[in-house]
C-alpha atoms as a PDB file:
ATOM      1  CA  MET A   1       0.000   0.000   0.000  1.00  0.00           C
ATOM      2  CA  GLU A   2       1.262   3.479  -0.859  1.00  0.00           C
ATOM      3  CA  ASP A   3       3.061   5.423   1.883  1.00  0.00           C
ATOM      4  CA  ILE A   4       3.200   2.601   4.442  1.00  0.00           C
ATOM      5  CA  THR A   5       6.075   0.321   5.358  1.00  0.00           C
ATOM      6  CA  LEU A   6       5.219  -2.715   7.464  1.00  0.00           C
ATOM      7  CA  PRO A   7       7.692  -5.309   8.718  1.00  0.00           C
ATOM      8  CA  ALA A   8       6.969  -8.993   8.199  1.00  0.00           C
ATOM      9  CA  ALA A   9       6.788  -9.303  11.992  1.00  0.00           C
ATOM     10  CA  ILE A  10       6.767  -6.856  14.890  1.00  0.00           C
ATOM     11  CA  ALA A  11      10.000  -8.329  16.251  1.00  0.00           C
ATOM     12  CA  GLU A  12      11.804  -6.821  13.255  1.00  0.00           C
ATOM     13  CA  ALA A  13      10.870  -3.366  14.595  1.00  0.00           C
ATOM     14  CA  ALA A  14      12.375  -3.857  18.067  1.00  0.00           C
ATOM     15  CA  ILE A  15      14.123  -0.719  19.319  1.00  0.00           C
ATOM     16  CA  PRO A  16      17.829  -1.393  20.021  1.00  0.00           C
ATOM     17  CA  SER A  17      19.234  -0.675  23.495  1.00  0.00           C
ATOM     18  CA  LEU A  18      15.807  -0.831  25.132  1.00  0.00           C
ATOM     19  CA  PRO A  19      14.370  -3.777  27.020  1.00  0.00           C
ATOM     20  CA  GLU A  20      13.054  -6.134  24.348  1.00  0.00           C
ATOM     21  CA  THR A  21       9.551  -4.833  24.815  1.00  0.00           C
ATOM     22  CA  ALA A  22       9.423  -1.736  22.610  1.00  0.00           C
ATOM     23  CA  TYR A  23       8.860  -1.526  18.880  1.00  0.00           C
ATOM     24  CA  TYR A  24       8.788   1.324  16.371  1.00  0.00           C
ATOM     25  CA  ILE A  25       7.246   1.259  12.879  1.00  0.00           C
ATOM     26  CA  PRO A  26       7.402   4.412  10.735  1.00  0.00           C
ATOM     27  CA  ASN A  27       4.740   5.123   8.113  1.00  0.00           C
ATOM     28  CA  PHE A  28       2.231   2.770   9.727  1.00  0.00           C
ATOM     29  CA  ILE A  29      -0.684   4.617   8.128  1.00  0.00           C
ATOM     30  CA  THR A  30      -0.885   6.545   4.849  1.00  0.00           C
ATOM     31  CA  GLU A  31      -1.114  10.296   4.387  1.00  0.00           C
ATOM     32  CA  ILE A  32      -4.721   9.897   3.255  1.00  0.00           C
ATOM     33  CA  GLU A  33      -5.611   7.741   6.258  1.00  0.00           C
ATOM     34  CA  SER A  34      -3.950  10.251   8.550  1.00  0.00           C
ATOM     35  CA  LYS A  35      -6.010  13.081   7.072  1.00  0.00           C
ATOM     36  CA  VAL A  36      -9.271  11.139   7.386  1.00  0.00           C
ATOM     37  CA  ILE A  37      -8.576  10.382  11.041  1.00  0.00           C
ATOM     38  CA  ARG A  38      -7.565  13.975  11.802  1.00  0.00           C
ATOM     39  CA  ASP A  39     -10.734  15.249  10.128  1.00  0.00           C
ATOM     40  CA  LYS A  40     -12.828  12.929  12.309  1.00  0.00           C
ATOM     41  CA  ILE A  41     -11.038  14.092  15.444  1.00  0.00           C
ATOM     42  CA  ASP A  42     -11.224  17.780  14.544  1.00  0.00           C
ATOM     43  CA  SER A  43     -14.912  17.594  13.620  1.00  0.00           C
ATOM     44  CA  ALA A  44     -15.943  16.067  16.954  1.00  0.00           C
ATOM     45  CA  PRO A  45     -18.414  18.253  18.894  1.00  0.00           C
ATOM     46  CA  LEU A  46     -16.737  20.496  21.441  1.00  0.00           C
ATOM     47  CA  PRO A  47     -18.240  18.606  24.438  1.00  0.00           C
ATOM     48  CA  THR A  48     -16.312  15.544  23.228  1.00  0.00           C
ATOM     49  CA  TRP A  49     -13.075  17.295  24.184  1.00  0.00           C
ATOM     50  CA  ARG A  50     -11.888  17.337  27.771  1.00  0.00           C
ATOM     51  CA  HIS A  51      -9.631  20.311  28.419  1.00  0.00           C
ATOM     52  CA  LEU A  52      -6.683  19.886  30.786  1.00  0.00           C
ATOM     53  CA  SER A  53      -4.084  22.471  31.761  1.00  0.00           C
ATOM     54  CA  HIS A  54      -1.480  21.289  29.231  1.00  0.00           C
ATOM     55  CA  ARG A  55      -3.483  19.469  26.555  1.00  0.00           C
ATOM     56  CA  ARG A  56      -6.964  18.423  25.511  1.00  0.00           C
ATOM     57  CA  LEU A  57      -8.239  14.909  24.946  1.00  0.00           C
ATOM     58  CA  GLN A  58     -11.023  12.662  23.677  1.00  0.00           C
ATOM     59  CA  THR A  59     -11.800   9.163  24.949  1.00  0.00           C
ATOM     60  CA  TYR A  60     -13.428   6.313  23.030  1.00  0.00           C
ATOM     61  CA  PRO A  61     -15.755   4.590  23.593  1.00  0.00           C
ATOM     62  CA  SER A  62     -15.929   6.390  26.984  1.00  0.00           C
ATOM     63  CA  PRO A  63     -13.782   7.321  29.991  1.00  0.00           C
ATOM     64  CA  LEU A  64     -13.200   4.668  32.643  1.00  0.00           C
ATOM     65  CA  THR A  65     -15.361   4.714  35.752  1.00  0.00           C
ATOM     66  CA  ALA A  66     -13.979   5.555  39.184  1.00  0.00           C
ATOM     67  CA  GLN A  67     -13.402   1.809  39.606  1.00  0.00           C
ATOM     68  CA  ASN A  68     -11.247   1.691  36.428  1.00  0.00           C
ATOM     69  CA  THR A  69     -14.012  -0.135  34.561  1.00  0.00           C
ATOM     70  CA  LEU A  70     -14.940   0.362  30.925  1.00  0.00           C
ATOM     71  CA  LEU A  71     -18.619   0.353  29.972  1.00  0.00           C
ATOM     72  CA  ALA A  72     -18.884  -2.032  27.043  1.00  0.00           C
ATOM     73  CA  SER A  73     -19.342  -0.316  23.701  1.00  0.00           C
ATOM     74  CA  PRO A  74     -17.724  -0.705  20.267  1.00  0.00           C
ATOM     75  CA  LEU A  75     -15.049   1.668  19.063  1.00  0.00           C
ATOM     76  CA  PRO A  76     -15.930   3.950  16.128  1.00  0.00           C
ATOM     77  CA  ALA A  77     -15.287   2.392  12.710  1.00  0.00           C
ATOM     78  CA  TRP A  78     -12.846   5.166  11.751  1.00  0.00           C
ATOM     79  CA  ILE A  79     -10.637   4.076  14.662  1.00  0.00           C
ATOM     80  CA  SER A  80     -10.956   0.329  14.128  1.00  0.00           C
ATOM     81  CA  GLU A  81     -10.185   0.620  10.421  1.00  0.00           C
ATOM     82  CA  PRO A  82      -7.465   0.731   9.406  1.00  0.00           C
ATOM     83  CA  ILE A  83      -5.425   0.981  12.600  1.00  0.00           C
ATOM     84  CA  ILE A  84      -6.619  -1.902  14.785  1.00  0.00           C
ATOM     85  CA  SER A  85      -7.089  -4.375  11.951  1.00  0.00           C
ATOM     86  CA  ARG A  86      -3.605  -3.583  10.616  1.00  0.00           C
ATOM     87  CA  LEU A  87      -2.054  -3.826  14.076  1.00  0.00           C
ATOM     88  CA  LEU A  88      -3.614  -7.227  14.727  1.00  0.00           C
ATOM     89  CA  SER A  89      -2.537  -8.516  11.318  1.00  0.00           C
ATOM     90  CA  LEU A  90       1.145  -8.278  12.262  1.00  0.00           C
ATOM     91  CA  PRO A  91       2.596 -11.397  13.910  1.00  0.00           C
ATOM     92  CA  ILE A  92       5.081 -10.965  16.733  1.00  0.00           C
ATOM     93  CA  VAL A  93       7.597 -13.195  14.948  1.00  0.00           C
ATOM     94  CA  SER A  94       7.609 -14.733  11.497  1.00  0.00           C
ATOM     95  CA  GLU A  95       6.894 -18.287  12.658  1.00  0.00           C
ATOM     96  CA  ALA A  96       3.388 -19.595  12.078  1.00  0.00           C
ATOM     97  CA  ASP A  97       0.837 -19.123  14.873  1.00  0.00           C
ATOM     98  CA  SER A  98       3.056 -16.683  16.766  1.00  0.00           C
ATOM     99  CA  GLY A  99       0.079 -14.467  17.571  1.00  0.00           C
ATOM    100  CA  ASN A 100      -0.070 -10.672  17.550  1.00  0.00           C
ATOM    101  CA  ILE A 101       0.845  -8.119  20.164  1.00  0.00           C
ATOM    102  CA  PHE A 102      -2.617  -8.329  21.808  1.00  0.00           C
ATOM    103  CA  SER A 103      -3.016 -12.129  21.636  1.00  0.00           C
ATOM    104  CA  ASP A 104      -2.392 -12.485  25.385  1.00  0.00           C
ATOM    105  CA  SER A 105      -4.693  -9.641  26.425  1.00  0.00           C
ATOM    106  CA  PRO A 106      -8.105 -10.487  27.933  1.00  0.00           C
ATOM    107  CA  HIS A 107     -10.108  -9.248  24.954  1.00  0.00           C
ATOM    108  CA  LYS A 108      -7.538 -10.070  22.247  1.00  0.00           C
ATOM    109  CA  ALA A 109      -7.667  -6.501  20.894  1.00  0.00           C
ATOM    110  CA  PRO A 110      -7.655  -2.888  22.068  1.00  0.00           C
ATOM    111  CA  ASN A 111     -11.013  -1.805  23.490  1.00  0.00           C
ATOM    112  CA  HIS A 112     -10.096   1.740  24.529  1.00  0.00           C
ATOM    113  CA  VAL A 113      -8.519   4.690  22.711  1.00  0.00           C
ATOM    114  CA  LEU A 114      -7.263   7.922  24.265  1.00  0.00           C
ATOM    115  CA  ILE A 115      -6.719  10.827  21.874  1.00  0.00           C
ATOM    116  CA  ASN A 116      -4.445  13.640  23.099  1.00  0.00           C
ATOM    117  CA  GLU A 117      -3.751  16.898  21.303  1.00  0.00           C
ATOM    118  CA  TYR A 118      -0.544  18.763  22.171  1.00  0.00           C
ATOM    119  CA  SER A 119       0.177  22.266  20.950  1.00  0.00           C
ATOM    120  CA  PRO A 120       3.836  23.339  20.605  1.00  0.00           C
ATOM    121  CA  GLY A 121       5.331  23.731  24.074  1.00  0.00           C
ATOM    122  CA  GLN A 122       2.840  21.403  25.733  1.00  0.00           C
ATOM    123  CA  GLY A 123       3.788  18.062  27.267  1.00  0.00           C
ATOM    124  CA  ILE A 124       2.887  15.614  30.000  1.00  0.00           C
ATOM    125  CA  PHE A 125       4.586  14.875  33.326  1.00  0.00           C
ATOM    126  CA  PRO A 126       6.379  11.509  33.601  1.00  0.00           C
ATOM    127  CA  HIS A 127       3.864   8.859  34.640  1.00  0.00           C
ATOM    128  CA  GLU A 128       2.862   5.203  34.511  1.00  0.00           C
ATOM    129  CA  ASP A 129      -0.264   3.956  32.736  1.00  0.00           C
ATOM    130  CA  GLY A 130      -1.200   1.839  35.731  1.00  0.00           C
ATOM    131  CA  SER A 131      -2.943  -1.435  36.462  1.00  0.00           C
ATOM    132  CA  ALA A 132      -6.271  -0.759  34.716  1.00  0.00           C
ATOM    133  CA  TYR A 133      -4.840  -1.969  31.418  1.00  0.00           C
ATOM    134  CA  HIS A 134      -3.188  -5.048  29.990  1.00  0.00           C
ATOM    135  CA  PRO A 135       0.526  -4.108  29.760  1.00  0.00           C
ATOM    136  CA  VAL A 136       0.576  -3.343  26.044  1.00  0.00           C
ATOM    137  CA  VAL A 137       0.310   0.206  24.660  1.00  0.00           C
ATOM    138  CA  ALA A 138       0.171   1.047  20.958  1.00  0.00           C
ATOM    139  CA  THR A 139       0.418   4.729  20.031  1.00  0.00           C
ATOM    140  CA  ILE A 140      -0.088   6.372  16.639  1.00  0.00           C
ATOM    141  CA  SER A 141       1.257   9.913  16.136  1.00  0.00           C
ATOM    142  CA  LEU A 142      -0.385  12.393  13.772  1.00  0.00           C
ATOM    143  CA  GLY A 143       0.616  15.897  12.741  1.00  0.00           C
ATOM    144  CA  SER A 144       3.947  16.815  14.337  1.00  0.00           C
ATOM    145  CA  HIS A 145       6.790  14.673  15.591  1.00  0.00           C
ATOM    146  CA  ILE A 146       7.306  14.253  19.336  1.00  0.00           C
ATOM    147  CA  VAL A 147      10.046  13.006  21.660  1.00  0.00           C
ATOM    148  CA  LEU A 148       8.965  10.581  24.364  1.00  0.00           C
ATOM    149  CA  ASP A 149      11.229  10.545  27.422  1.00  0.00           C
ATOM    150  CA  ILE A 150      11.607   7.199  29.229  1.00  0.00           C
ATOM    151  CA  TYR A 151      12.577   7.285  32.916  1.00  0.00           C
ATOM    152  CA  ALA A 152      13.813   4.384  35.011  1.00  0.00           C
ATOM    153  CA  LYS A 153      12.725   4.018  38.612  1.00  0.00           C
ATOM    154  CA  LYS A 154      15.331   4.564  41.315  1.00  0.00           C
ATOM    155  CA  ASN A 155      16.907   1.391  42.609  1.00  0.00           C
ATOM    156  CA  ASP A 156      16.066   2.158  46.230  1.00  0.00           C
ATOM    157  CA  GLY A 157      12.552   0.764  46.526  1.00  0.00           C
ATOM    158  CA  SER A 158      10.991   4.220  46.718  1.00  0.00           C
ATOM    159  CA  GLY A 159       9.178   3.939  43.391  1.00  0.00           C
ATOM    160  CA  GLU A 160      10.444   7.387  42.456  1.00  0.00           C
ATOM    161  CA  ARG A 161      11.961   8.035  39.040  1.00  0.00           C
ATOM    162  CA  GLU A 162      15.473   9.055  38.133  1.00  0.00           C
ATOM    163  CA  ALA A 163      15.949  12.771  37.534  1.00  0.00           C
ATOM    164  CA  GLU A 164      16.865  12.471  33.848  1.00  0.00           C
ATOM    165  CA  PRO A 165      15.391  10.281  31.132  1.00  0.00           C
ATOM    166  CA  ARG A 166      17.357   7.148  30.417  1.00  0.00           C
ATOM    167  CA  TRP A 167      16.186   6.995  26.780  1.00  0.00           C
ATOM    168  CA  ARG A 168      14.463   9.248  24.250  1.00  0.00           C
ATOM    169  CA  ILE A 169      12.163   7.887  21.545  1.00  0.00           C
ATOM    170  CA  LEU A 170      11.467  10.067  18.514  1.00  0.00           C
ATOM    171  CA  GLN A 171       8.003   9.504  17.061  1.00  0.00           C
ATOM    172  CA  GLU A 172       7.479  10.670  13.499  1.00  0.00           C
ATOM    173  CA  PRO A 173       4.075  11.563  12.062  1.00  0.00           C
ATOM    174  CA  ARG A 174       2.091   8.443  11.059  1.00  0.00           C
ATOM    175  CA  SER A 175       4.363   6.160  13.085  1.00  0.00           C
ATOM    176  CA  LEU A 176       3.420   3.386  15.511  1.00  0.00           C
ATOM    177  CA  LEU A 177       5.132   2.913  18.878  1.00  0.00           C
ATOM    178  CA  ILE A 178       4.440  -0.187  20.986  1.00  0.00           C
ATOM    179  CA  THR A 179       5.566  -0.545  24.598  1.00  0.00           C
ATOM    180  CA  THR A 180       4.901  -3.550  26.801  1.00  0.00           C
ATOM    181  CA  GLY A 181       6.375  -5.857  29.430  1.00  0.00           C
ATOM    182  CA  GLU A 182       9.253  -4.487  31.479  1.00  0.00           C
ATOM    183  CA  LEU A 183       9.173  -1.099  29.806  1.00  0.00           C
ATOM    184  CA  TYR A 184       5.482  -0.763  30.716  1.00  0.00           C
ATOM    185  CA  ARG A 185       5.776  -1.980  34.306  1.00  0.00           C
ATOM    186  CA  GLU A 186       9.142  -0.681  35.466  1.00  0.00           C
ATOM    187  CA  HIS A 187       9.496   2.702  33.733  1.00  0.00           C
ATOM    188  CA  LEU A 188       7.757   6.053  33.462  1.00  0.00           C
ATOM    189  CA  HIS A 189       7.244   8.085  30.298  1.00  0.00           C
ATOM    190  CA  GLY A 190       6.604  11.744  29.642  1.00  0.00           C
ATOM    191  CA  ILE A 191       6.885  14.567  27.113  1.00  0.00           C
ATOM    192  CA  ALA A 192       8.947  17.663  27.895  1.00  0.00           C
ATOM    193  CA  GLU A 193       7.287  21.057  27.644  1.00  0.00           C
ATOM    194  CA  THR A 194       9.389  22.581  24.881  1.00  0.00           C
ATOM    195  CA  GLU A 195       8.778  24.104  21.473  1.00  0.00           C
ATOM    196  CA  VAL A 196      12.013  22.793  19.951  1.00  0.00           C
ATOM    197  CA  ASP A 197      13.414  19.284  20.381  1.00  0.00           C
ATOM    198  CA  GLU A 198      17.214  19.073  20.349  1.00  0.00           C
ATOM    199  CA  ASP A 199      19.860  16.340  20.169  1.00  0.00           C
ATOM    200  CA  LEU A 200      17.909  14.567  17.456  1.00  0.00           C
ATOM    201  CA  ASN A 201      20.647  12.265  16.238  1.00  0.00           C
ATOM    202  CA  GLU A 202      21.882   8.711  16.598  1.00  0.00           C
ATOM    203  CA  LYS A 203      23.391   9.422  20.005  1.00  0.00           C
ATOM    204  CA  GLY A 204      20.386  11.234  21.444  1.00  0.00           C
ATOM    205  CA  VAL A 205      17.526   9.142  20.029  1.00  0.00           C
ATOM    206  CA  VAL A 206      17.319   5.425  20.820  1.00  0.00           C
ATOM    207  CA  ASN A 207      15.231   4.508  17.747  1.00  0.00           C
ATOM    208  CA  TRP A 208      17.263   6.601  15.282  1.00  0.00           C
ATOM    209  CA  LYS A 209      18.079   3.674  12.988  1.00  0.00           C
ATOM    210  CA  LEU A 210      14.404   2.801  12.646  1.00  0.00           C
ATOM    211  CA  LEU A 211      13.229   6.258  11.545  1.00  0.00           C
ATOM    212  CA  GLY A 212      11.540   6.556   8.183  1.00  0.00           C
ATOM    213  CA  ARG A 213      12.923  10.009   7.297  1.00  0.00           C
ATOM    214  CA  LYS A 214      16.123  10.833   9.177  1.00  0.00           C
ATOM    215  CA  GLU A 215      16.678  13.738   6.800  1.00  0.00           C
ATOM    216  CA  ASP A 216      13.784  15.609   8.438  1.00  0.00           C
ATOM    217  CA  PHE A 217      15.956  15.899  11.557  1.00  0.00           C
ATOM    218  CA  GLY A 218      19.302  16.396   9.852  1.00  0.00           C
ATOM    219  CA  GLY A 219      20.070  19.605  11.727  1.00  0.00           C
ATOM    220  CA  GLY A 220      19.779  17.875  15.090  1.00  0.00           C
ATOM    221  CA  GLU A 221      16.775  19.911  16.163  1.00  0.00           C
ATOM    222  CA  LYS A 222      13.147  20.309  15.102  1.00  0.00           C
ATOM    223  CA  ARG A 223      10.431  22.780  16.001  1.00  0.00           C
ATOM    224  CA  ARG A 224       7.212  21.129  17.100  1.00  0.00           C
ATOM    225  CA  GLY A 225       3.839  21.648  15.498  1.00  0.00           C
ATOM    226  CA  THR A 226       0.485  20.454  16.802  1.00  0.00           C
ATOM    227  CA  ARG A 227       0.662  16.733  17.520  1.00  0.00           C
ATOM    228  CA  VAL A 228      -2.233  14.324  18.024  1.00  0.00           C
ATOM    229  CA  SER A 229      -1.702  10.875  19.540  1.00  0.00           C
ATOM    230  CA  LEU A 230      -4.036   7.893  19.529  1.00  0.00           C
ATOM    231  CA  THR A 231      -3.240   5.470  22.362  1.00  0.00           C
ATOM    232  CA  PHE A 232      -4.714   1.973  22.084  1.00  0.00           C
ATOM    233  CA  ARG A 233      -5.062  -0.271  25.140  1.00  0.00           C
ATOM    234  CA  ASP A 234      -7.084  -3.204  26.438  1.00  0.00           C
ATOM    235  CA  VAL A 235      -8.948  -2.278  29.627  1.00  0.00           C
ATOM    236  CA  LEU A 236      -9.018  -5.285  31.955  1.00  0.00           C
ATOM    237  CA  LYS A 237     -12.417  -4.713  33.578  1.00  0.00           C
ATOM    238  CA  VAL A 238     -15.406  -4.299  31.256  1.00  0.00           C
ATOM    239  CA  LYS A 239     -19.031  -4.078  32.302  1.00  0.00           C
ATOM    240  CA  ASN A 240     -22.028  -4.703  30.049  1.00  0.00           C
ATOM    241  CA  LEU A 241     -24.852  -2.193  30.083  1.00  0.00           C
ATOM    242  CA  GLY A 242     -28.321  -3.687  30.408  1.00  0.00           C
ATOM    243  CA  LYS A 243     -30.749  -3.009  27.616  1.00  0.00           C
ATOM    244  CA  GLY A 244     -33.490  -2.085  30.024  1.00  0.00           C
ATOM    245  CA  PHE A 245     -32.591  -0.999  33.511  1.00  0.00           C
ATOM    246  CA  GLY A 246     -29.130  -0.442  34.856  1.00  0.00           C
ATOM    247  CA  PHE A 247     -26.434  -3.071  34.655  1.00  0.00           C
ATOM    248  CA  LEU A 248     -26.833  -6.725  33.982  1.00  0.00           C
ATOM    249  CA  GLY A 249     -24.544  -8.516  36.388  1.00  0.00           C
ATOM    250  CA  ASN A 250     -20.938  -7.738  37.139  1.00  0.00           C
ATOM    251  CA  GLY A 251     -19.264  -9.961  34.581  1.00  0.00           C
ATOM    252  CA  ARG A 252     -16.273  -9.116  32.495  1.00  0.00           C
ATOM    253  CA  MET A 253     -16.221  -9.418  28.763  1.00  0.00           C
END
């Protein structure tokens, strides 16, 4: 397909120097697909957006409850196609029946999507995604590039993070980043509040060799534009809504 480059297996996209639980695929969706998705996001009614101090976001099919439970509902078709179907079509390794990156998750596919919009200079404090989700995160970037900072936890049992990021991952527009396993459980991630990203080179970016267009960062720095991310996860607890009155049971899907 025009404008996309997919590996034969996700393992071929493993990011060097990281725990073997992170993968980067440039050009995962086409320019046309990116535009269609952006148009859907931008045309959402204003109440769909939740405004925070440093970004705004949409949540599909709905935000989690206070008990970290998702109310069962399908994702919009413009999210499922082409992103989820393409993601699930990629085997982890080339061997037959190796499964995909969500094969071990409770629902065998993402059931929740968080859409964040960052203007230049906006970011997010280093954080963990927490225990509400199966430990696999797949993120698509649209619009501008972004640098994701990965922090290790201090080795003193405090749970606090180190002061400086241990690695930096550069996400190009239309790229896919997958984090799971050790990187999900034992590290924090965040985005610095800056308008210009620097040290964009093989030494400063851990996935440099996997980039689709290194020439876009040839000067070692890049000014940010507006960036939109779509984060796909499988929420562990799902509750069915009753057709008539209230909830039907407390089962999980």
